[in-house]
């Protein structure tokens, strides 16, 4: 597993993590985020490419990710990196949610899953 930080002019402007799964030979792209003041400058794409490079160098067969992002820009970013949308989980519960009435009222999340096949197993 790895964690990368994007730094611009001495400031941390973005982060991304990758976690390998030896059981199915995949890498999960996790926690990618770019400071809102620096979005649209290619930082997220560079971070995503870093995860793909890590996966290739370590002989993983695919990269997967899941997101609750509602902004289409996030989905377009993943697709521009080569990811294919492979499914949606409706009414997704974030880790730590209690499924209380208030949470069910305010957190009707959709969890989108993406996969990028690097090579066949």
PDB file of N, CA and C in Angstrom:
ATOM      1  N   UNK A   1       0.838  -1.191   0.000  1.00  0.00           N
ATOM      2  CA  UNK A   1       0.000   0.000   0.000  1.00  0.00           C
ATOM      3  C   UNK A   1       0.869   1.236   0.000  1.00  0.00           C
ATOM      4  N   UNK A   2       0.353   2.302  -0.561  1.00  0.00           N
ATOM      5  CA  UNK A   2       1.107   3.559  -0.644  1.00  0.00           C
ATOM      6  C   UNK A   2       0.178   4.747  -0.456  1.00  0.00           C
ATOM      7  N   UNK A   3       0.800   5.869  -0.147  1.00  0.00           N
ATOM      8  CA  UNK A   3       0.090   7.127   0.033  1.00  0.00           C
ATOM      9  C   UNK A   3       0.956   8.207  -0.598  1.00  0.00           C
ATOM     10  N   UNK A   4       0.335   9.010  -1.481  1.00  0.00           N
ATOM     11  CA  UNK A   4       1.075  10.077  -2.140  1.00  0.00           C
ATOM     12  C   UNK A   4       0.453  11.424  -1.810  1.00  0.00           C
ATOM     13  N   UNK A   5       1.307  12.433  -1.785  1.00  0.00           N
ATOM     14  CA  UNK A   5       0.895  13.794  -1.488  1.00  0.00           C
ATOM     15  C   UNK A   5       1.367  14.686  -2.631  1.00  0.00           C
ATOM     16  N   UNK A   6       0.459  15.507  -3.147  1.00  0.00           N
ATOM     17  CA  UNK A   6       0.831  16.482  -4.174  1.00  0.00           C
ATOM     18  C   UNK A   6       1.132  17.808  -3.475  1.00  0.00           C
ATOM     19  N   UNK A   7       2.299  18.364  -3.773  1.00  0.00           N
ATOM     20  CA  UNK A   7       2.726  19.618  -3.161  1.00  0.00           C
ATOM     21  C   UNK A   7       2.960  20.632  -4.267  1.00  0.00           C
ATOM     22  N   UNK A   8       2.429  21.831  -4.083  1.00  0.00           N
ATOM     23  CA  UNK A   8       2.593  22.913  -5.043  1.00  0.00           C
ATOM     24  C   UNK A   8       2.929  24.182  -4.269  1.00  0.00           C
ATOM     25  N   UNK A   9       4.032  24.796  -4.614  1.00  0.00           N
ATOM     26  CA  UNK A   9       4.492  26.014  -3.923  1.00  0.00           C
ATOM     27  C   UNK A   9       4.559  25.824  -2.418  1.00  0.00           C
ATOM     28  N   UNK A  10       5.014  24.650  -1.979  1.00  0.00           N
ATOM     29  CA  UNK A  10       5.172  24.380  -0.552  1.00  0.00           C
ATOM     30  C   UNK A  10       3.893  24.016   0.181  1.00  0.00           C
ATOM     31  N   UNK A  11       2.778  23.934  -0.537  1.00  0.00           N
ATOM     32  CA  UNK A  11       1.495  23.582   0.100  1.00  0.00           C
ATOM     33  C   UNK A  11       1.028  22.211  -0.363  1.00  0.00           C
ATOM     34  N   UNK A  12       0.477  21.436   0.568  1.00  0.00           N
ATOM     35  CA  UNK A  12      -0.148  20.175   0.207  1.00  0.00           C
ATOM     36  C   UNK A  12      -1.464  20.509  -0.484  1.00  0.00           C
ATOM     37  N   UNK A  13      -1.610  20.067  -1.732  1.00  0.00           N
ATOM     38  CA  UNK A  13      -2.811  20.406  -2.507  1.00  0.00           C
ATOM     39  C   UNK A  13      -3.631  19.184  -2.883  1.00  0.00           C
ATOM     40  N   UNK A  14      -3.086  17.987  -2.651  1.00  0.00           N
ATOM     41  CA  UNK A  14      -3.834  16.785  -2.985  1.00  0.00           C
ATOM     42  C   UNK A  14      -3.232  15.555  -2.348  1.00  0.00           C
ATOM     43  N   UNK A  15      -4.066  14.524  -2.218  1.00  0.00           N
ATOM     44  CA  UNK A  15      -3.621  13.251  -1.646  1.00  0.00           C
ATOM     45  C   UNK A  15      -4.310  12.099  -2.381  1.00  0.00           C
ATOM     46  N   UNK A  16      -3.679  10.941  -2.327  1.00  0.00           N
ATOM     47  CA  UNK A  16      -4.307   9.711  -2.819  1.00  0.00           C
ATOM     48  C   UNK A  16      -3.623   8.536  -2.134  1.00  0.00           C
ATOM     49  N   UNK A  17      -4.389   7.482  -1.910  1.00  0.00           N
ATOM     50  CA  UNK A  17      -3.857   6.256  -1.326  1.00  0.00           C
ATOM     51  C   UNK A  17      -4.195   5.095  -2.238  1.00  0.00           C
ATOM     52  N   UNK A  18      -3.385   4.056  -2.146  1.00  0.00           N
ATOM     53  CA  UNK A  18      -3.625   2.815  -2.881  1.00  0.00           C
ATOM     54  C   UNK A  18      -3.403   1.662  -1.924  1.00  0.00           C
ATOM     55  N   UNK A  19      -4.348   0.723  -1.938  1.00  0.00           N
ATOM     56  CA  UNK A  19      -4.227  -0.447  -1.065  1.00  0.00           C
ATOM     57  C   UNK A  19      -4.304  -1.702  -1.917  1.00  0.00           C
ATOM     58  N   UNK A  20      -3.261  -2.506  -1.853  1.00  0.00           N
ATOM     59  CA  UNK A  20      -3.224  -3.741  -2.614  1.00  0.00           C
ATOM     60  C   UNK A  20      -4.023  -4.836  -1.929  1.00  0.00           C
ATOM     61  N   UNK A  21      -4.629  -5.682  -2.757  1.00  0.00           N
ATOM     62  CA  UNK A  21      -5.369  -6.840  -2.264  1.00  0.00           C
ATOM     63  C   UNK A  21      -4.789  -8.060  -2.970  1.00  0.00           C
ATOM     64  N   UNK A  22      -4.007  -8.840  -2.248  1.00  0.00           N
ATOM     65  CA  UNK A  22      -3.322  -9.991  -2.841  1.00  0.00           C
ATOM     66  C   UNK A  22      -4.295 -11.094  -3.239  1.00  0.00           C
ATOM     67  N   UNK A  23      -5.443 -11.195  -2.557  1.00  0.00           N
ATOM     68  CA  UNK A  23      -6.397 -12.274  -2.840  1.00  0.00           C
ATOM     69  C   UNK A  23      -6.916 -12.231  -4.271  1.00  0.00           C
ATOM     70  N   UNK A  24      -7.255 -11.035  -4.738  1.00  0.00           N
ATOM     71  CA  UNK A  24      -7.766 -10.936  -6.114  1.00  0.00           C
ATOM     72  C   UNK A  24      -6.834 -10.137  -7.027  1.00  0.00           C
ATOM     73  N   UNK A  25      -5.625  -9.847  -6.530  1.00  0.00           N
ATOM     74  CA  UNK A  25      -4.585  -9.169  -7.308  1.00  0.00           C
ATOM     75  C   UNK A  25      -5.045  -7.813  -7.841  1.00  0.00           C
ATOM     76  N   UNK A  26      -5.755  -7.064  -6.997  1.00  0.00           N
ATOM     77  CA  UNK A  26      -6.199  -5.721  -7.374  1.00  0.00           C
ATOM     78  C   UNK A  26      -5.577  -4.685  -6.452  1.00  0.00           C
ATOM     79  N   UNK A  27      -5.593  -3.461  -6.919  1.00  0.00           N
ATOM     80  CA  UNK A  27      -5.240  -2.298  -6.107  1.00  0.00           C
ATOM     81  C   UNK A  27      -6.496  -1.457  -6.000  1.00  0.00           C
ATOM     82  N   UNK A  28      -6.805  -1.013  -4.799  1.00  0.00           N
ATOM     83  CA  UNK A  28      -7.945  -0.119  -4.618  1.00  0.00           C
ATOM     84  C   UNK A  28      -7.435   1.306  -4.491  1.00  0.00           C
ATOM     85  N   UNK A  29      -7.903   2.179  -5.376  1.00  0.00           N
ATOM     86  CA  UNK A  29      -7.606   3.602  -5.282  1.00  0.00           C
ATOM     87  C   UNK A  29      -8.522   4.158  -4.196  1.00  0.00           C
ATOM     88  N   UNK A  30      -7.926   4.788  -3.179  1.00  0.00           N
ATOM     89  CA  UNK A  30      -8.701   5.249  -2.031  1.00  0.00           C
ATOM     90  C   UNK A  30      -8.354   6.693  -1.683  1.00  0.00           C
ATOM     91  N   UNK A  31      -9.331   7.383  -1.174  1.00  0.00           N
ATOM     92  CA  UNK A  31      -9.145   8.704  -0.555  1.00  0.00           C
ATOM     93  C   UNK A  31      -8.475   9.735  -1.423  1.00  0.00           C
ATOM     94  N   UNK A  32      -8.808   9.789  -2.697  1.00  0.00           N
ATOM     95  CA  UNK A  32      -8.236  10.845  -3.543  1.00  0.00           C
ATOM     96  C   UNK A  32      -8.979  12.145  -3.274  1.00  0.00           C
ATOM     97  N   UNK A  33      -8.215  13.180  -3.022  1.00  0.00           N
ATOM     98  CA  UNK A  33      -8.810  14.485  -2.745  1.00  0.00           C
ATOM     99  C   UNK A  33      -7.840  15.577  -3.177  1.00  0.00           C
ATOM    100  N   UNK A  34      -8.407  16.643  -3.745  1.00  0.00           N
ATOM    101  CA  UNK A  34      -7.616  17.809  -4.132  1.00  0.00           C
ATOM    102  C   UNK A  34      -8.265  19.037  -3.508  1.00  0.00           C
ATOM    103  N   UNK A  35      -7.448  19.893  -2.933  1.00  0.00           N
ATOM    104  CA  UNK A  35      -7.926  21.143  -2.336  1.00  0.00           C
ATOM    105  C   UNK A  35      -8.780  21.885  -3.361  1.00  0.00           C
ATOM    106  N   UNK A  36      -9.927  22.364  -2.924  1.00  0.00           N
ATOM    107  CA  UNK A  36     -10.865  23.023  -3.855  1.00  0.00           C
ATOM    108  C   UNK A  36     -10.250  24.229  -4.558  1.00  0.00           C
ATOM    109  N   UNK A  37      -9.259  24.865  -3.959  1.00  0.00           N
ATOM    110  CA  UNK A  37      -8.600  26.015  -4.598  1.00  0.00           C
ATOM    111  C   UNK A  37      -7.675  25.615  -5.744  1.00  0.00           C
ATOM    112  N   UNK A  38      -7.380  24.311  -5.868  1.00  0.00           N
ATOM    113  CA  UNK A  38      -6.433  23.851  -6.877  1.00  0.00           C
ATOM    114  C   UNK A  38      -7.058  22.871  -7.869  1.00  0.00           C
ATOM    115  N   UNK A  39      -8.357  22.739  -7.848  1.00  0.00           N
ATOM    116  CA  UNK A  39      -9.017  21.811  -8.770  1.00  0.00           C
ATOM    117  C   UNK A  39      -8.993  22.377 -10.187  1.00  0.00           C
ATOM    118  N   UNK A  40      -9.046  21.475 -11.157  1.00  0.00           N
ATOM    119  CA  UNK A  40      -9.028  21.887 -12.563  1.00  0.00           C
ATOM    120  C   UNK A  40      -7.640  22.136 -13.105  1.00  0.00           C
ATOM    121  N   UNK A  41      -6.616  21.763 -12.357  1.00  0.00           N
ATOM    122  CA  UNK A  41      -5.232  21.992 -12.786  1.00  0.00           C
ATOM    123  C   UNK A  41      -4.506  20.688 -13.123  1.00  0.00           C
ATOM    124  N   UNK A  42      -5.233  19.571 -13.164  1.00  0.00           N
ATOM    125  CA  UNK A  42      -4.614  18.295 -13.515  1.00  0.00           C
ATOM    126  C   UNK A  42      -4.001  17.535 -12.359  1.00  0.00           C
ATOM    127  N   UNK A  43      -4.174  18.026 -11.146  1.00  0.00           N
ATOM    128  CA  UNK A  43      -3.570  17.379  -9.978  1.00  0.00           C
ATOM    129  C   UNK A  43      -4.205  16.018  -9.714  1.00  0.00           C
ATOM    130  N   UNK A  44      -5.517  15.943  -9.756  1.00  0.00           N
ATOM    131  CA  UNK A  44      -6.205  14.664  -9.517  1.00  0.00           C
ATOM    132  C   UNK A  44      -5.816  13.636 -10.573  1.00  0.00           C
ATOM    133  N   UNK A  45      -5.711  14.068 -11.812  1.00  0.00           N
ATOM    134  CA  UNK A  45      -5.323  13.147 -12.879  1.00  0.00           C
ATOM    135  C   UNK A  45      -3.904  12.633 -12.640  1.00  0.00           C
ATOM    136  N   UNK A  46      -2.995  13.515 -12.224  1.00  0.00           N
ATOM    137  CA  UNK A  46      -1.618  13.095 -11.932  1.00  0.00           C
ATOM    138  C   UNK A  46      -1.588  12.105 -10.764  1.00  0.00           C
ATOM    139  N   UNK A  47      -2.395  12.345  -9.744  1.00  0.00           N
ATOM    140  CA  UNK A  47      -2.455  11.419  -8.611  1.00  0.00           C
ATOM    141  C   UNK A  47      -3.028  10.068  -9.042  1.00  0.00           C
ATOM    142  N   UNK A  48      -4.063  10.102  -9.858  1.00  0.00           N
ATOM    143  CA  UNK A  48      -4.643   8.857 -10.366  1.00  0.00           C
ATOM    144  C   UNK A  48      -3.641   8.075 -11.192  1.00  0.00           C
ATOM    145  N   UNK A  49      -2.893   8.767 -12.025  1.00  0.00           N
ATOM    146  CA  UNK A  49      -1.871   8.101 -12.841  1.00  0.00           C
ATOM    147  C   UNK A  49      -0.785   7.482 -11.968  1.00  0.00           C
ATOM    148  N   UNK A  50      -0.485   8.122 -10.840  1.00  0.00           N
ATOM    149  CA  UNK A  50       0.520   7.584  -9.913  1.00  0.00           C
ATOM    150  C   UNK A  50       0.060   6.230  -9.366  1.00  0.00           C
ATOM    151  N   UNK A  51      -1.234   6.119  -9.048  1.00  0.00           N
ATOM    152  CA  UNK A  51      -1.769   4.847  -8.564  1.00  0.00           C
ATOM    153  C   UNK A  51      -1.700   3.797  -9.670  1.00  0.00           C
ATOM    154  N   UNK A  52      -2.040   4.174 -10.902  1.00  0.00           N
ATOM    155  CA  UNK A  52      -1.969   3.231 -12.017  1.00  0.00           C
ATOM    156  C   UNK A  52      -0.532   2.766 -12.250  1.00  0.00           C
ATOM    157  N   UNK A  53       0.407   3.685 -12.155  1.00  0.00           N
ATOM    158  CA  UNK A  53       1.823   3.344 -12.303  1.00  0.00           C
ATOM    159  C   UNK A  53       2.244   2.347 -11.218  1.00  0.00           C
ATOM    160  N   UNK A  54       1.820   2.609  -9.980  1.00  0.00           N
ATOM    161  CA  UNK A  54       2.108   1.709  -8.861  1.00  0.00           C
ATOM    162  C   UNK A  54       1.561   0.314  -9.148  1.00  0.00           C
ATOM    163  N   UNK A  55       0.336   0.245  -9.661  1.00  0.00           N
ATOM    164  CA  UNK A  55      -0.296  -1.043  -9.950  1.00  0.00           C
ATOM    165  C   UNK A  55       0.466  -1.814 -11.020  1.00  0.00           C
ATOM    166  N   UNK A  56       0.868  -1.126 -12.074  1.00  0.00           N
ATOM    167  CA  UNK A  56       1.600  -1.774 -13.157  1.00  0.00           C
ATOM    168  C   UNK A  56       2.965  -2.259 -12.665  1.00  0.00           C
ATOM    169  N   UNK A  57       3.693  -1.395 -11.962  1.00  0.00           N
ATOM    170  CA  UNK A  57       5.029  -1.760 -11.470  1.00  0.00           C
ATOM    171  C   UNK A  57       5.000  -2.935 -10.505  1.00  0.00           C
ATOM    172  N   UNK A  58       3.880  -3.110  -9.813  1.00  0.00           N
ATOM    173  CA  UNK A  58       3.768  -4.191  -8.840  1.00  0.00           C
ATOM    174  C   UNK A  58       2.942  -5.374  -9.355  1.00  0.00           C
ATOM    175  N   UNK A  59       2.722  -5.397 -10.668  1.00  0.00           N
ATOM    176  CA  UNK A  59       2.082  -6.526 -11.354  1.00  0.00           C
ATOM    177  C   UNK A  59       0.670  -6.847 -10.886  1.00  0.00           C
ATOM    178  N   UNK A  60      -0.100  -5.832 -10.531  1.00  0.00           N
ATOM    179  CA  UNK A  60      -1.509  -6.051 -10.220  1.00  0.00           C
ATOM    180  C   UNK A  60      -2.281  -6.158 -11.528  1.00  0.00           C
ATOM    181  N   UNK A  61      -3.368  -6.917 -11.504  1.00  0.00           N
ATOM    182  CA  UNK A  61      -4.128  -7.122 -12.736  1.00  0.00           C
ATOM    183  C   UNK A  61      -5.165  -6.037 -12.974  1.00  0.00           C
ATOM    184  N   UNK A  62      -5.605  -5.355 -11.918  1.00  0.00           N
ATOM    185  CA  UNK A  62      -6.601  -4.296 -12.111  1.00  0.00           C
ATOM    186  C   UNK A  62      -6.575  -3.316 -10.941  1.00  0.00           C
ATOM    187  N   UNK A  63      -7.191  -2.179 -11.196  1.00  0.00           N
ATOM    188  CA  UNK A  63      -7.361  -1.144 -10.175  1.00  0.00           C
ATOM    189  C   UNK A  63      -8.857  -0.920 -10.022  1.00  0.00           C
ATOM    190  N   UNK A  64      -9.315  -0.860  -8.785  1.00  0.00           N
ATOM    191  CA  UNK A  64     -10.731  -0.654  -8.507  1.00  0.00           C
ATOM    192  C   UNK A  64     -10.887   0.573  -7.621  1.00  0.00           C
ATOM    193  N   UNK A  65     -12.086   1.134  -7.646  1.00  0.00           N
ATOM    194  CA  UNK A  65     -12.385   2.231  -6.735  1.00  0.00           C
ATOM    195  C   UNK A  65     -13.890   2.300  -6.537  1.00  0.00           C
ATOM    196  N   UNK A  66     -14.269   2.913  -5.441  1.00  0.00           N
ATOM    197  CA  UNK A  66     -15.668   3.177  -5.160  1.00  0.00           C
ATOM    198  C   UNK A  66     -15.797   4.619  -4.727  1.00  0.00           C
ATOM    199  N   UNK A  67     -16.904   5.238  -5.087  1.00  0.00           N
ATOM    200  CA  UNK A  67     -17.078   6.644  -4.746  1.00  0.00           C
ATOM    201  C   UNK A  67     -18.542   6.969  -4.493  1.00  0.00           C
ATOM    202  N   UNK A  68     -18.758   7.885  -3.579  1.00  0.00           N
ATOM    203  CA  UNK A  68     -20.097   8.432  -3.344  1.00  0.00           C
ATOM    204  C   UNK A  68     -20.202   9.826  -3.946  1.00  0.00           C
ATOM    205  N   UNK A  69     -19.198  10.218  -4.721  1.00  0.00           N
ATOM    206  CA  UNK A  69     -19.170  11.564  -5.312  1.00  0.00           C
ATOM    207  C   UNK A  69     -20.418  11.819  -6.149  1.00  0.00           C
ATOM    208  N   UNK A  70     -21.014  12.969  -5.930  1.00  0.00           N
ATOM    209  CA  UNK A  70     -22.184  13.350  -6.717  1.00  0.00           C
ATOM    210  C   UNK A  70     -21.794  14.252  -7.891  1.00  0.00           C
ATOM    211  N   UNK A  71     -20.624  14.858  -7.829  1.00  0.00           N
ATOM    212  CA  UNK A  71     -20.180  15.739  -8.909  1.00  0.00           C
ATOM    213  C   UNK A  71     -19.741  14.911 -10.104  1.00  0.00           C
ATOM    214  N   UNK A  72     -20.262  15.261 -11.258  1.00  0.00           N
ATOM    215  CA  UNK A  72     -19.928  14.539 -12.485  1.00  0.00           C
ATOM    216  C   UNK A  72     -18.452  14.657 -12.829  1.00  0.00           C
ATOM    217  N   UNK A  73     -17.795  15.708 -12.376  1.00  0.00           N
ATOM    218  CA  UNK A  73     -16.374  15.884 -12.684  1.00  0.00           C
ATOM    219  C   UNK A  73     -15.550  14.715 -12.149  1.00  0.00           C
ATOM    220  N   UNK A  74     -15.905  14.207 -10.986  1.00  0.00           N
ATOM    221  CA  UNK A  74     -15.174  13.071 -10.418  1.00  0.00           C
ATOM    222  C   UNK A  74     -15.341  11.842 -11.312  1.00  0.00           C
ATOM    223  N   UNK A  75     -16.560  11.588 -11.746  1.00  0.00           N
ATOM    224  CA  UNK A  75     -16.821  10.426 -12.593  1.00  0.00           C
ATOM    225  C   UNK A  75     -16.116  10.570 -13.946  1.00  0.00           C
ATOM    226  N   UNK A  76     -16.104  11.767 -14.488  1.00  0.00           N
ATOM    227  CA  UNK A  76     -15.412  12.011 -15.754  1.00  0.00           C
ATOM    228  C   UNK A  76     -13.904  11.806 -15.608  1.00  0.00           C
ATOM    229  N   UNK A  77     -13.373  12.194 -14.445  1.00  0.00           N
ATOM    230  CA  UNK A  77     -11.947  11.989 -14.189  1.00  0.00           C
ATOM    231  C   UNK A  77     -11.617  10.507 -14.235  1.00  0.00           C
ATOM    232  N   UNK A  78     -12.385   9.683 -13.525  1.00  0.00           N
ATOM    233  CA  UNK A  78     -12.105   8.244 -13.505  1.00  0.00           C
ATOM    234  C   UNK A  78     -12.198   7.651 -14.907  1.00  0.00           C
ATOM    235  N   UNK A  79     -13.199   8.058 -15.647  1.00  0.00           N
ATOM    236  CA  UNK A  79     -13.358   7.548 -17.007  1.00  0.00           C
ATOM    237  C   UNK A  79     -12.207   8.014 -17.909  1.00  0.00           C
ATOM    238  N   UNK A  80     -11.718   9.243 -17.700  1.00  0.00           N
ATOM    239  CA  UNK A  80     -10.602   9.739 -18.510  1.00  0.00           C
ATOM    240  C   UNK A  80      -9.313   8.967 -18.221  1.00  0.00           C
ATOM    241  N   UNK A  81      -9.224   8.370 -17.040  1.00  0.00           N
ATOM    242  CA  UNK A  81      -8.065   7.550 -16.687  1.00  0.00           C
ATOM    243  C   UNK A  81      -8.207   6.116 -17.205  1.00  0.00           C
ATOM    244  N   UNK A  82      -9.371   5.790 -17.770  1.00  0.00           N
ATOM    245  CA  UNK A  82      -9.582   4.465 -18.342  1.00  0.00           C
ATOM    246  C   UNK A  82     -10.487   3.558 -17.540  1.00  0.00           C
ATOM    247  N   UNK A  83     -10.985   4.028 -16.398  1.00  0.00           N
ATOM    248  CA  UNK A  83     -11.877   3.211 -15.574  1.00  0.00           C
ATOM    249  C   UNK A  83     -13.229   3.038 -16.253  1.00  0.00           C
ATOM    250  N   UNK A  84     -13.829   1.883 -16.029  1.00  0.00           N
ATOM    251  CA  UNK A  84     -15.176   1.587 -16.517  1.00  0.00           C
ATOM    252  C   UNK A  84     -16.112   1.502 -15.318  1.00  0.00           C
ATOM    253  N   UNK A  85     -17.269   2.117 -15.445  1.00  0.00           N
ATOM    254  CA  UNK A  85     -18.297   2.065 -14.398  1.00  0.00           C
ATOM    255  C   UNK A  85     -18.854   0.647 -14.380  1.00  0.00           C
ATOM    256  N   UNK A  86     -18.820  -0.019 -13.223  1.00  0.00           N
ATOM    257  CA  UNK A  86     -19.249  -1.421 -13.166  1.00  0.00           C
ATOM    258  C   UNK A  86     -20.444  -1.659 -12.245  1.00  0.00           C
ATOM    259  N   UNK A  87     -20.991  -0.606 -11.651  1.00  0.00           N
ATOM    260  CA  UNK A  87     -22.178  -0.823 -10.832  1.00  0.00           C
ATOM    261  C   UNK A  87     -22.428   0.282  -9.834  1.00  0.00           C
ATOM    262  N   UNK A  88     -23.648   0.243  -9.286  1.00  0.00           N
ATOM    263  CA  UNK A  88     -24.078   1.220  -8.288  1.00  0.00           C
ATOM    264  C   UNK A  88     -24.751   0.464  -7.151  1.00  0.00           C
ATOM    265  N   UNK A  89     -24.428   0.861  -5.936  1.00  0.00           N
ATOM    266  CA  UNK A  89     -25.121   0.350  -4.761  1.00  0.00           C
ATOM    267  C   UNK A  89     -26.013   1.488  -4.263  1.00  0.00           C
ATOM    268  N   UNK A  90     -27.315   1.268  -4.290  1.00  0.00           N
ATOM    269  CA  UNK A  90     -28.261   2.281  -3.812  1.00  0.00           C
ATOM    270  C   UNK A  90     -28.328   2.241  -2.287  1.00  0.00           C
ATOM    271  N   UNK A  91     -28.600   3.382  -1.675  1.00  0.00           N
ATOM    272  CA  UNK A  91     -28.775   3.487  -0.220  1.00  0.00           C
ATOM    273  C   UNK A  91     -27.549   2.966   0.528  1.00  0.00           C
ATOM    274  N   UNK A  92     -26.394   3.317   0.041  1.00  0.00           N
ATOM    275  CA  UNK A  92     -25.125   2.901   0.633  1.00  0.00           C
ATOM    276  C   UNK A  92     -24.977   3.513   2.024  1.00  0.00           C
ATOM    277  N   UNK A  93     -24.455   2.756   2.959  1.00  0.00           N
ATOM    278  CA  UNK A  93     -24.202   3.245   4.323  1.00  0.00           C
ATOM    279  C   UNK A  93     -22.704   3.453   4.497  1.00  0.00           C
ATOM    280  N   UNK A  94     -22.323   4.651   4.855  1.00  0.00           N
ATOM    281  CA  UNK A  94     -20.922   4.940   5.120  1.00  0.00           C
ATOM    282  C   UNK A  94     -20.482   4.200   6.376  1.00  0.00           C
ATOM    283  N   UNK A  95     -19.219   3.803   6.455  1.00  0.00           N
ATOM    284  CA  UNK A  95     -18.746   3.141   7.671  1.00  0.00           C
ATOM    285  C   UNK A  95     -19.031   4.011   8.897  1.00  0.00           C
ATOM    286  N   UNK A  96     -19.569   3.400   9.926  1.00  0.00           N
ATOM    287  CA  UNK A  96     -19.888   4.118  11.158  1.00  0.00           C
ATOM    288  C   UNK A  96     -21.310   4.625  11.240  1.00  0.00           C
ATOM    289  N   UNK A  97     -22.068   4.525  10.140  1.00  0.00           N
ATOM    290  CA  UNK A  97     -23.462   4.978  10.178  1.00  0.00           C
ATOM    291  C   UNK A  97     -24.288   4.021  11.023  1.00  0.00           C
ATOM    292  N   UNK A  98     -25.279   4.576  11.705  1.00  0.00           N
ATOM    293  CA  UNK A  98     -26.114   3.774  12.606  1.00  0.00           C
ATOM    294  C   UNK A  98     -27.454   3.399  11.991  1.00  0.00           C
ATOM    295  N   UNK A  99     -27.773   3.916  10.828  1.00  0.00           N
ATOM    296  CA  UNK A  99     -29.053   3.680  10.150  1.00  0.00           C
ATOM    297  C   UNK A  99     -30.224   4.258  10.928  1.00  0.00           C
ATOM    298  N   UNK A 100     -29.967   5.318  11.686  1.00  0.00           N
ATOM    299  CA  UNK A 100     -31.041   5.982  12.418  1.00  0.00           C
ATOM    300  C   UNK A 100     -31.998   6.637  11.421  1.00  0.00           C
ATOM    301  N   UNK A 101     -33.145   7.040  11.897  1.00  0.00           N
ATOM    302  CA  UNK A 101     -34.139   7.689  11.044  1.00  0.00           C
ATOM    303  C   UNK A 101     -33.559   8.943  10.391  1.00  0.00           C
ATOM    304  N   UNK A 102     -32.826   9.755  11.162  1.00  0.00           N
ATOM    305  CA  UNK A 102     -32.227  10.971  10.593  1.00  0.00           C
ATOM    306  C   UNK A 102     -31.211  10.631   9.511  1.00  0.00           C
ATOM    307  N   UNK A 103     -30.381   9.637   9.766  1.00  0.00           N
ATOM    308  CA  UNK A 103     -29.403   9.257   8.750  1.00  0.00           C
ATOM    309  C   UNK A 103     -30.098   8.748   7.495  1.00  0.00           C
ATOM    310  N   UNK A 104     -31.138   7.976   7.648  1.00  0.00           N
ATOM    311  CA  UNK A 104     -31.853   7.471   6.472  1.00  0.00           C
ATOM    312  C   UNK A 104     -32.519   8.613   5.708  1.00  0.00           C
ATOM    313  N   UNK A 105     -32.922   9.663   6.415  1.00  0.00           N
ATOM    314  CA  UNK A 105     -33.549  10.806   5.748  1.00  0.00           C
ATOM    315  C   UNK A 105     -32.537  11.646   4.974  1.00  0.00           C
ATOM    316  N   UNK A 106     -31.348  11.821   5.547  1.00  0.00           N
ATOM    317  CA  UNK A 106     -30.384  12.766   4.974  1.00  0.00           C
ATOM    318  C   UNK A 106     -29.247  12.117   4.188  1.00  0.00           C
ATOM    319  N   UNK A 107     -29.036  10.834   4.328  1.00  0.00           N
ATOM    320  CA  UNK A 107     -27.905  10.181   3.673  1.00  0.00           C
ATOM    321  C   UNK A 107     -28.366   9.044   2.769  1.00  0.00           C
ATOM    322  N   UNK A 108     -29.028   9.383   1.708  1.00  0.00           N
ATOM    323  CA  UNK A 108     -29.428   8.417   0.681  1.00  0.00           C
ATOM    324  C   UNK A 108     -28.312   8.381  -0.353  1.00  0.00           C
ATOM    325  N   UNK A 109     -27.242   7.700  -0.021  1.00  0.00           N
ATOM    326  CA  UNK A 109     -26.049   7.732  -0.855  1.00  0.00           C
ATOM    327  C   UNK A 109     -26.061   6.657  -1.928  1.00  0.00           C
ATOM    328  N   UNK A 110     -25.484   7.014  -3.065  1.00  0.00           N
ATOM    329  CA  UNK A 110     -25.251   6.049  -4.145  1.00  0.00           C
ATOM    330  C   UNK A 110     -23.747   5.805  -4.201  1.00  0.00           C
ATOM    331  N   UNK A 111     -23.370   4.554  -4.186  1.00  0.00           N
ATOM    332  CA  UNK A 111     -21.964   4.168  -4.200  1.00  0.00           C
ATOM    333  C   UNK A 111     -21.648   3.596  -5.578  1.00  0.00           C
ATOM    334  N   UNK A 112     -20.830   4.308  -6.340  1.00  0.00           N
ATOM    335  CA  UNK A 112     -20.466   3.908  -7.700  1.00  0.00           C
ATOM    336  C   UNK A 112     -19.160   3.125  -7.656  1.00  0.00           C
ATOM    337  N   UNK A 113     -19.137   2.015  -8.365  1.00  0.00           N
ATOM    338  CA  UNK A 113     -17.933   1.198  -8.437  1.00  0.00           C
ATOM    339  C   UNK A 113     -17.337   1.293  -9.839  1.00  0.00           C
ATOM    340  N   UNK A 114     -16.003   1.404  -9.881  1.00  0.00           N
ATOM    341  CA  UNK A 114     -15.258   1.493 -11.133  1.00  0.00           C
ATOM    342  C   UNK A 114     -14.135   0.464 -11.128  1.00  0.00           C
ATOM    343  N   UNK A 115     -13.735   0.055 -12.332  1.00  0.00           N
ATOM    344  CA  UNK A 115     -12.635  -0.919 -12.469  1.00  0.00           C
ATOM    345  C   UNK A 115     -11.847  -0.585 -13.731  1.00  0.00           C
ATOM    346  N   UNK A 116     -10.538  -0.720 -13.623  1.00  0.00           N
ATOM    347  CA  UNK A 116      -9.644  -0.592 -14.764  1.00  0.00           C
ATOM    348  C   UNK A 116      -8.832  -1.876 -14.842  1.00  0.00           C
ATOM    349  N   UNK A 117      -9.083  -2.662 -15.877  1.00  0.00           N
ATOM    350  CA  UNK A 117      -8.376  -3.924 -16.078  1.00  0.00           C
ATOM    351  C   UNK A 117      -7.048  -3.635 -16.723  1.00  0.00           C
ATOM    352  N   UNK A 118      -5.958  -4.003 -16.071  1.00  0.00           N
ATOM    353  CA  UNK A 118      -4.617  -3.762 -16.602  1.00  0.00           C
ATOM    354  C   UNK A 118      -4.119  -4.929 -17.432  1.00  0.00           C
ATOM    355  N   UNK A 119      -4.451  -6.142 -16.990  1.00  0.00           N
ATOM    356  CA  UNK A 119      -4.068  -7.347 -17.723  1.00  0.00           C
ATOM    357  C   UNK A 119      -4.968  -8.493 -17.258  1.00  0.00           C
ATOM    358  N   UNK A 120      -5.058  -9.483 -18.083  1.00  0.00           N
ATOM    359  CA  UNK A 120      -5.870 -10.667 -17.744  1.00  0.00           C
ATOM    360  C   UNK A 120      -5.081 -11.575 -16.821  1.00  0.00           C
ATOM    361  N   UNK A 121      -5.790 -12.218 -15.922  1.00  0.00           N
ATOM    362  CA  UNK A 121      -5.162 -13.167 -14.987  1.00  0.00           C
ATOM    363  C   UNK A 121      -5.058 -14.521 -15.619  1.00  0.00           C
TER     364      UNK A 121
END
